[in-house]
Amino acid sequence: MNEHIQRQCTKVFYSPLEAAIRWSDLLEHEAEILDWIRSEFHGPPPHEHWPQLLLNVERLFDAMKHGELPFGTSGITQCAIALLNAPDLTVRHVDLRRWMVWAYPTLKPHFLFDEAERRSSVVLDQETAVALSQHLTLIKEQAQTRASAEIQYLNIIGALLTLLLGHSSSGERYSTFNTLGAVIGALITHHSGRPGINEQTLWAKFAEAKRHLCAQP
């Protein structure tokens, strides 16, 4: 959009259609669009971006209906629902700009934001993308660290269970425990009430540890 047209974009207030035309970057086609509407939509739409224009009109009306975008008539804010059908329905430039920042923060239409603001938005988006990427990398690394620690704990528990319930090469038992149930019972007797020391959790964790140890090469 050239500088002359960009200056023509900005008004104190707009009709929803005027705002949508500017939002859709169709100001150069405003006259033919308005003529087509006055002709009660006779003939094909005047521009290939007509669907985008209609979408932006719907977005504006949706925001007004739900109290997100203040509106009125002839530039005077009133926000009465009945006014949504008024022929002189308008939205103020300042309200439209404020709503756009809230509802569509990545969009910076020329008629609401100057070039400096549009450039700063691009820089901010890039910075946000970099920060998000770094955060996701950190989360992935932390997850990998936790997974590695979990594997180590399972290996240690599985090895200890094998030792407690096993025999030496000469057939001598390494401990007085004959079954896994006896080990669990002793743990509950001596450490009942501590987090994780209950029958259901111990059976599940010990079974997981044994499966994990057996699956290791």
C-alpha atoms as a PDB file:
ATOM      1  CA  MET A   1       0.000   0.000   0.000  1.00  0.00           C
ATOM      2  CA  ASN A   2       1.516   3.339  -1.040  1.00  0.00           C
ATOM      3  CA  GLU A   3       1.854   6.284   1.351  1.00  0.00           C
ATOM      4  CA  HIS A   4      -0.987   8.306  -0.206  1.00  0.00           C
ATOM      5  CA  ILE A   5      -3.493   5.473   0.105  1.00  0.00           C
ATOM      6  CA  GLN A   6      -2.257   4.701   3.602  1.00  0.00           C
ATOM      7  CA  ARG A   7      -3.037   8.283   4.673  1.00  0.00           C
ATOM      8  CA  GLN A   8      -6.533   7.896   3.225  1.00  0.00           C
ATOM      9  CA  CYS A   9      -7.053   4.760   5.306  1.00  0.00           C
ATOM     10  CA  THR A  10      -7.297   6.417   8.681  1.00  0.00           C
ATOM     11  CA  LYS A  11     -10.534   7.977   9.929  1.00  0.00           C
ATOM     12  CA  VAL A  12     -11.871   8.864  13.354  1.00  0.00           C
ATOM     13  CA  PHE A  13     -14.578   6.223  12.971  1.00  0.00           C
ATOM     14  CA  TYR A  14     -15.682   3.721  10.328  1.00  0.00           C
ATOM     15  CA  SER A  15     -18.704   1.792   9.275  1.00  0.00           C
ATOM     16  CA  PRO A  16     -18.133  -1.961   9.755  1.00  0.00           C
ATOM     17  CA  LEU A  17     -17.780  -2.321   5.981  1.00  0.00           C
ATOM     18  CA  GLU A  18     -15.236   0.512   5.754  1.00  0.00           C
ATOM     19  CA  ALA A  19     -13.232  -1.076   8.556  1.00  0.00           C
ATOM     20  CA  ALA A  20     -13.404  -4.509   6.906  1.00  0.00           C
ATOM     21  CA  ILE A  21     -12.324  -3.078   3.540  1.00  0.00           C
ATOM     22  CA  ARG A  22      -9.269  -1.510   5.159  1.00  0.00           C
ATOM     23  CA  TRP A  23      -8.553  -4.621   7.238  1.00  0.00           C
ATOM     24  CA  SER A  24      -8.681  -6.706   4.044  1.00  0.00           C
ATOM     25  CA  ASP A  25      -6.275  -4.248   2.319  1.00  0.00           C
ATOM     26  CA  LEU A  26      -8.908  -3.456  -0.318  1.00  0.00           C
ATOM     27  CA  LEU A  27      -9.109   0.323   0.024  1.00  0.00           C
ATOM     28  CA  GLU A  28      -8.105   0.765  -3.622  1.00  0.00           C
ATOM     29  CA  HIS A  29     -11.252  -1.180  -4.530  1.00  0.00           C
ATOM     30  CA  GLU A  30     -13.561   0.520  -2.030  1.00  0.00           C
ATOM     31  CA  ALA A  31     -15.591   2.428  -4.626  1.00  0.00           C
ATOM     32  CA  GLU A  32     -16.373  -0.623  -6.757  1.00  0.00           C
ATOM     33  CA  ILE A  33     -17.176  -2.703  -3.676  1.00  0.00           C
ATOM     34  CA  LEU A  34     -19.629  -0.058  -2.427  1.00  0.00           C
ATOM     35  CA  ASP A  35     -21.170   0.272  -5.895  1.00  0.00           C
ATOM     36  CA  TRP A  36     -21.663  -3.492  -6.048  1.00  0.00           C
ATOM     37  CA  ILE A  37     -23.396  -3.469  -2.658  1.00  0.00           C
ATOM     38  CA  ARG A  38     -25.653  -0.558  -3.665  1.00  0.00           C
ATOM     39  CA  SER A  39     -26.622  -2.500  -6.774  1.00  0.00           C
ATOM     40  CA  GLU A  40     -27.919  -5.227  -4.427  1.00  0.00           C
ATOM     41  CA  PHE A  41     -25.107  -7.608  -5.347  1.00  0.00           C
ATOM     42  CA  HIS A  42     -25.867  -7.795  -9.081  1.00  0.00           C
ATOM     43  CA  GLY A  43     -23.123  -9.463 -11.082  1.00  0.00           C
ATOM     44  CA  PRO A  44     -19.995 -11.210  -9.782  1.00  0.00           C
ATOM     45  CA  PRO A  45     -18.139  -9.881  -6.713  1.00  0.00           C
ATOM     46  CA  PRO A  46     -15.819  -7.011  -7.663  1.00  0.00           C
ATOM     47  CA  HIS A  47     -12.685  -8.559  -6.232  1.00  0.00           C
ATOM     48  CA  GLU A  48     -11.167 -11.998  -5.727  1.00  0.00           C
ATOM     49  CA  HIS A  49     -10.668 -11.264  -2.035  1.00  0.00           C
ATOM     50  CA  TRP A  50     -14.398 -10.791  -1.446  1.00  0.00           C
ATOM     51  CA  PRO A  51     -14.621 -13.925   0.812  1.00  0.00           C
ATOM     52  CA  GLN A  52     -11.928 -12.459   3.099  1.00  0.00           C
ATOM     53  CA  LEU A  53     -13.818  -9.171   3.211  1.00  0.00           C
ATOM     54  CA  LEU A  54     -17.033 -10.928   4.238  1.00  0.00           C
ATOM     55  CA  LEU A  55     -15.144 -12.883   6.899  1.00  0.00           C
ATOM     56  CA  ASN A  56     -13.722  -9.694   8.386  1.00  0.00           C
ATOM     57  CA  VAL A  57     -17.176  -8.089   8.424  1.00  0.00           C
ATOM     58  CA  GLU A  58     -18.493 -11.122  10.316  1.00  0.00           C
ATOM     59  CA  ARG A  59     -15.602 -10.896  12.769  1.00  0.00           C
ATOM     60  CA  LEU A  60     -16.418  -7.266  13.518  1.00  0.00           C
ATOM     61  CA  PHE A  61     -20.126  -7.925  14.060  1.00  0.00           C
ATOM     62  CA  ASP A  62     -19.347 -10.952  16.213  1.00  0.00           C
ATOM     63  CA  ALA A  63     -17.080  -8.817  18.409  1.00  0.00           C
ATOM     64  CA  MET A  64     -19.761  -6.117  18.717  1.00  0.00           C
ATOM     65  CA  LYS A  65     -22.491  -8.637  19.579  1.00  0.00           C
ATOM     66  CA  HIS A  66     -20.384 -10.150  22.360  1.00  0.00           C
ATOM     67  CA  GLY A  67     -19.376  -6.864  23.941  1.00  0.00           C
ATOM     68  CA  GLU A  68     -15.737  -7.074  22.837  1.00  0.00           C
ATOM     69  CA  LEU A  69     -15.799  -4.112  20.446  1.00  0.00           C
ATOM     70  CA  PRO A  70     -17.610  -0.866  21.402  1.00  0.00           C
ATOM     71  CA  PHE A  71     -19.893   0.580  18.705  1.00  0.00           C
ATOM     72  CA  GLY A  72     -22.460   3.277  18.155  1.00  0.00           C
ATOM     73  CA  THR A  73     -23.834   5.534  15.445  1.00  0.00           C
ATOM     74  CA  SER A  74     -22.173   8.411  13.624  1.00  0.00           C
ATOM     75  CA  GLY A  75     -19.065   8.003  15.753  1.00  0.00           C
ATOM     76  CA  ILE A  76     -20.902   8.242  19.099  1.00  0.00           C
ATOM     77  CA  THR A  77     -20.460   5.125  21.235  1.00  0.00           C
ATOM     78  CA  GLN A  78     -23.716   3.721  22.609  1.00  0.00           C
ATOM     79  CA  CYS A  79     -23.377  -0.102  22.454  1.00  0.00           C
ATOM     80  CA  ALA A  80     -27.122  -0.806  22.264  1.00  0.00           C
ATOM     81  CA  ILE A  81     -27.726  -4.155  20.545  1.00  0.00           C
ATOM     82  CA  ALA A  82     -30.591  -2.657  18.547  1.00  0.00           C
ATOM     83  CA  LEU A  83     -28.098  -0.338  16.849  1.00  0.00           C
ATOM     84  CA  LEU A  84     -26.362  -3.267  15.123  1.00  0.00           C
ATOM     85  CA  ASN A  85     -28.968  -2.935  12.366  1.00  0.00           C
ATOM     86  CA  ALA A  86     -28.663   0.849  12.129  1.00  0.00           C
ATOM     87  CA  PRO A  87     -27.576   2.185   8.710  1.00  0.00           C
ATOM     88  CA  ASP A  88     -25.169   4.617  10.366  1.00  0.00           C
ATOM     89  CA  LEU A  89     -23.536   2.000  12.629  1.00  0.00           C
ATOM     90  CA  THR A  90     -19.893   2.872  13.379  1.00  0.00           C
ATOM     91  CA  VAL A  91     -16.841   1.797  15.329  1.00  0.00           C
ATOM     92  CA  ARG A  92     -14.257   4.296  16.526  1.00  0.00           C
ATOM     93  CA  HIS A  93     -10.650   4.052  15.351  1.00  0.00           C
ATOM     94  CA  VAL A  94      -9.251   3.895  18.892  1.00  0.00           C
ATOM     95  CA  ASP A  95     -11.672   1.145  19.932  1.00  0.00           C
ATOM     96  CA  LEU A  96     -10.980  -0.842  16.785  1.00  0.00           C
ATOM     97  CA  ARG A  97      -7.241  -0.601  17.323  1.00  0.00           C
ATOM     98  CA  ARG A  98      -7.541  -1.666  20.963  1.00  0.00           C
ATOM     99  CA  TRP A  99      -9.732  -4.643  20.011  1.00  0.00           C
ATOM    100  CA  MET A 100      -7.366  -5.699  17.220  1.00  0.00           C
ATOM    101  CA  VAL A 101      -4.425  -5.795  19.643  1.00  0.00           C
ATOM    102  CA  TRP A 102      -6.446  -8.011  21.983  1.00  0.00           C
ATOM    103  CA  ALA A 103      -8.222 -10.283  19.467  1.00  0.00           C
ATOM    104  CA  TYR A 104      -5.634 -10.523  16.664  1.00  0.00           C
ATOM    105  CA  PRO A 105      -2.257  -9.581  18.180  1.00  0.00           C
ATOM    106  CA  THR A 106      -0.267 -10.916  15.201  1.00  0.00           C
ATOM    107  CA  LEU A 107      -2.176  -8.744  12.703  1.00  0.00           C
ATOM    108  CA  LYS A 108      -1.240  -5.118  12.187  1.00  0.00           C
ATOM    109  CA  PRO A 109      -3.449  -3.575   9.444  1.00  0.00           C
ATOM    110  CA  HIS A 110      -1.991  -0.446   7.855  1.00  0.00           C
ATOM    111  CA  PHE A 111      -4.939   1.755   8.757  1.00  0.00           C
ATOM    112  CA  LEU A 112      -4.548   1.034  12.483  1.00  0.00           C
ATOM    113  CA  PHE A 113      -0.772   0.686  12.913  1.00  0.00           C
ATOM    114  CA  ASP A 114       2.123   2.624  11.440  1.00  0.00           C
ATOM    115  CA  GLU A 115       5.168   1.017   9.853  1.00  0.00           C
ATOM    116  CA  ALA A 116       7.251   1.240  13.042  1.00  0.00           C
ATOM    117  CA  GLU A 117       4.565  -0.636  14.968  1.00  0.00           C
ATOM    118  CA  ARG A 118       4.277  -3.238  12.224  1.00  0.00           C
ATOM    119  CA  ARG A 119       8.052  -3.803  12.207  1.00  0.00           C
ATOM    120  CA  SER A 120       8.227  -4.018  16.004  1.00  0.00           C
ATOM    121  CA  SER A 121       5.461  -6.610  15.878  1.00  0.00           C
ATOM    122  CA  VAL A 122       7.513  -8.761  13.509  1.00  0.00           C
ATOM    123  CA  VAL A 123      10.554  -8.468  15.778  1.00  0.00           C
ATOM    124  CA  LEU A 124       8.437  -9.350  18.808  1.00  0.00           C
ATOM    125  CA  ASP A 125       6.998 -12.368  17.028  1.00  0.00           C
ATOM    126  CA  GLN A 126      10.478 -13.553  16.133  1.00  0.00           C
ATOM    127  CA  GLU A 127      11.670 -13.054  19.695  1.00  0.00           C
ATOM    128  CA  THR A 128       8.632 -14.926  20.982  1.00  0.00           C
ATOM    129  CA  ALA A 129       9.279 -17.784  18.558  1.00  0.00           C
ATOM    130  CA  VAL A 130      12.908 -18.037  19.667  1.00  0.00           C
ATOM    131  CA  ALA A 131      11.930 -17.943  23.340  1.00  0.00           C
ATOM    132  CA  LEU A 132       9.282 -20.607  22.773  1.00  0.00           C
ATOM    133  CA  SER A 133      11.753 -22.809  20.918  1.00  0.00           C
ATOM    134  CA  GLN A 134      14.269 -22.478  23.751  1.00  0.00           C
ATOM    135  CA  HIS A 135      11.593 -23.265  26.313  1.00  0.00           C
ATOM    136  CA  LEU A 136      10.473 -26.366  24.431  1.00  0.00           C
ATOM    137  CA  THR A 137      14.094 -27.522  24.125  1.00  0.00           C
ATOM    138  CA  LEU A 138      14.539 -27.080  27.884  1.00  0.00           C
ATOM    139  CA  ILE A 139      11.371 -29.068  28.583  1.00  0.00           C
ATOM    140  CA  LYS A 140      12.566 -31.845  26.269  1.00  0.00           C
ATOM    141  CA  GLU A 141      15.956 -31.966  27.983  1.00  0.00           C
ATOM    142  CA  GLN A 142      14.329 -32.068  31.416  1.00  0.00           C
ATOM    143  CA  ALA A 143      12.014 -34.876  30.292  1.00  0.00           C
ATOM    144  CA  GLN A 144      14.978 -36.845  28.960  1.00  0.00           C
ATOM    145  CA  THR A 145      16.841 -36.319  32.255  1.00  0.00           C
ATOM    146  CA  ARG A 146      13.843 -37.508  34.260  1.00  0.00           C
ATOM    147  CA  ALA A 147      13.452 -40.551  31.993  1.00  0.00           C
ATOM    148  CA  SER A 148      17.141 -41.411  32.415  1.00  0.00           C
ATOM    149  CA  ALA A 149      16.873 -41.086  36.209  1.00  0.00           C
ATOM    150  CA  GLU A 150      13.762 -43.283  36.208  1.00  0.00           C
ATOM    151  CA  ILE A 151      15.618 -45.970  34.257  1.00  0.00           C
ATOM    152  CA  GLN A 152      18.471 -45.868  36.768  1.00  0.00           C
ATOM    153  CA  TYR A 153      16.103 -46.209  39.738  1.00  0.00           C
ATOM    154  CA  LEU A 154      14.250 -49.119  38.136  1.00  0.00           C
ATOM    155  CA  ASN A 155      17.526 -50.900  37.401  1.00  0.00           C
ATOM    156  CA  ILE A 156      18.699 -50.465  41.012  1.00  0.00           C
ATOM    157  CA  ILE A 157      15.383 -51.671  42.472  1.00  0.00           C
ATOM    158  CA  GLY A 158      15.233 -54.635  40.091  1.00  0.00           C
ATOM    159  CA  ALA A 159      18.821 -55.615  40.912  1.00  0.00           C
ATOM    160  CA  LEU A 160      18.189 -55.364  44.676  1.00  0.00           C
ATOM    161  CA  LEU A 161      15.100 -57.559  44.399  1.00  0.00           C
ATOM    162  CA  THR A 162      17.050 -60.132  42.419  1.00  0.00           C
ATOM    163  CA  LEU A 163      19.697 -60.128  45.136  1.00  0.00           C
ATOM    164  CA  LEU A 164      17.216 -60.338  48.044  1.00  0.00           C
ATOM    165  CA  LEU A 165      15.372 -63.288  46.523  1.00  0.00           C
ATOM    166  CA  GLY A 166      18.367 -64.987  44.895  1.00  0.00           C
ATOM    167  CA  HIS A 167      20.998 -67.603  45.678  1.00  0.00           C
ATOM    168  CA  SER A 168      24.742 -67.679  45.474  1.00  0.00           C
ATOM    169  CA  SER A 169      26.499 -70.053  43.062  1.00  0.00           C
ATOM    170  CA  SER A 170      26.780 -72.550  45.944  1.00  0.00           C
ATOM    171  CA  GLY A 171      23.020 -72.432  46.540  1.00  0.00           C
ATOM    172  CA  GLU A 172      23.137 -70.276  49.654  1.00  0.00           C
ATOM    173  CA  ARG A 173      20.360 -67.680  49.922  1.00  0.00           C
ATOM    174  CA  TYR A 174      21.424 -64.052  49.929  1.00  0.00           C
ATOM    175  CA  SER A 175      18.671 -63.106  52.425  1.00  0.00           C
ATOM    176  CA  THR A 176      15.962 -64.600  54.633  1.00  0.00           C
ATOM    177  CA  PHE A 177      13.218 -63.406  52.276  1.00  0.00           C
ATOM    178  CA  ASN A 178      11.634 -66.243  50.295  1.00  0.00           C
ATOM    179  CA  THR A 179       9.055 -64.272  48.306  1.00  0.00           C
ATOM    180  CA  LEU A 180       8.398 -60.790  46.990  1.00  0.00           C
ATOM    181  CA  GLY A 181       5.359 -60.639  49.268  1.00  0.00           C
ATOM    182  CA  ALA A 182       7.626 -61.128  52.275  1.00  0.00           C
ATOM    183  CA  VAL A 183       9.802 -58.202  51.156  1.00  0.00           C
ATOM    184  CA  ILE A 184       6.741 -55.976  50.734  1.00  0.00           C
ATOM    185  CA  GLY A 185       5.365 -57.020  54.095  1.00  0.00           C
ATOM    186  CA  ALA A 186       8.645 -56.152  55.848  1.00  0.00           C
ATOM    187  CA  LEU A 187       8.809 -52.743  54.154  1.00  0.00           C
ATOM    188  CA  ILE A 188       5.268 -51.895  55.230  1.00  0.00           C
ATOM    189  CA  THR A 189       5.944 -53.069  58.783  1.00  0.00           C
ATOM    190  CA  HIS A 190       9.036 -50.886  59.178  1.00  0.00           C
ATOM    191  CA  HIS A 191       8.129 -47.864  57.004  1.00  0.00           C
ATOM    192  CA  SER A 192       4.338 -47.670  56.910  1.00  0.00           C
ATOM    193  CA  GLY A 193       2.962 -44.182  56.375  1.00  0.00           C
ATOM    194  CA  ARG A 194       5.786 -42.927  54.187  1.00  0.00           C
ATOM    195  CA  PRO A 195       4.886 -41.816  50.633  1.00  0.00           C
ATOM    196  CA  GLY A 196       4.860 -44.808  48.288  1.00  0.00           C
ATOM    197  CA  ILE A 197       5.157 -47.398  51.044  1.00  0.00           C
ATOM    198  CA  ASN A 198       1.875 -49.207  50.578  1.00  0.00           C
ATOM    199  CA  GLU A 199       1.043 -52.628  49.206  1.00  0.00           C
ATOM    200  CA  GLN A 200      -0.497 -51.536  45.904  1.00  0.00           C
ATOM    201  CA  THR A 201       2.325 -49.141  45.000  1.00  0.00           C
ATOM    202  CA  LEU A 202       5.095 -51.537  46.010  1.00  0.00           C
ATOM    203  CA  TRP A 203       3.690 -54.437  43.998  1.00  0.00           C
ATOM    204  CA  ALA A 204       3.321 -52.191  40.941  1.00  0.00           C
ATOM    205  CA  LYS A 205       6.778 -50.609  41.210  1.00  0.00           C
ATOM    206  CA  PHE A 206       8.571 -53.892  41.944  1.00  0.00           C
ATOM    207  CA  ALA A 207       6.861 -55.587  38.997  1.00  0.00           C
ATOM    208  CA  GLU A 208       7.846 -52.673  36.751  1.00  0.00           C
ATOM    209  CA  ALA A 209      11.444 -52.816  37.998  1.00  0.00           C
ATOM    210  CA  LYS A 210      11.711 -56.558  37.347  1.00  0.00           C
ATOM    211  CA  ARG A 211      10.249 -56.213  33.842  1.00  0.00           C
ATOM    212  CA  HIS A 212      12.584 -53.336  33.054  1.00  0.00           C
ATOM    213  CA  LEU A 213      15.680 -55.147  34.340  1.00  0.00           C
ATOM    214  CA  CYS A 214      14.833 -58.295  32.367  1.00  0.00           C
ATOM    215  CA  ALA A 215      14.323 -56.250  29.219  1.00  0.00           C
ATOM    216  CA  GLN A 216      17.815 -54.701  29.405  1.00  0.00           C
ATOM    217  CA  PRO A 217      20.452 -56.279  27.127  1.00  0.00           C
END
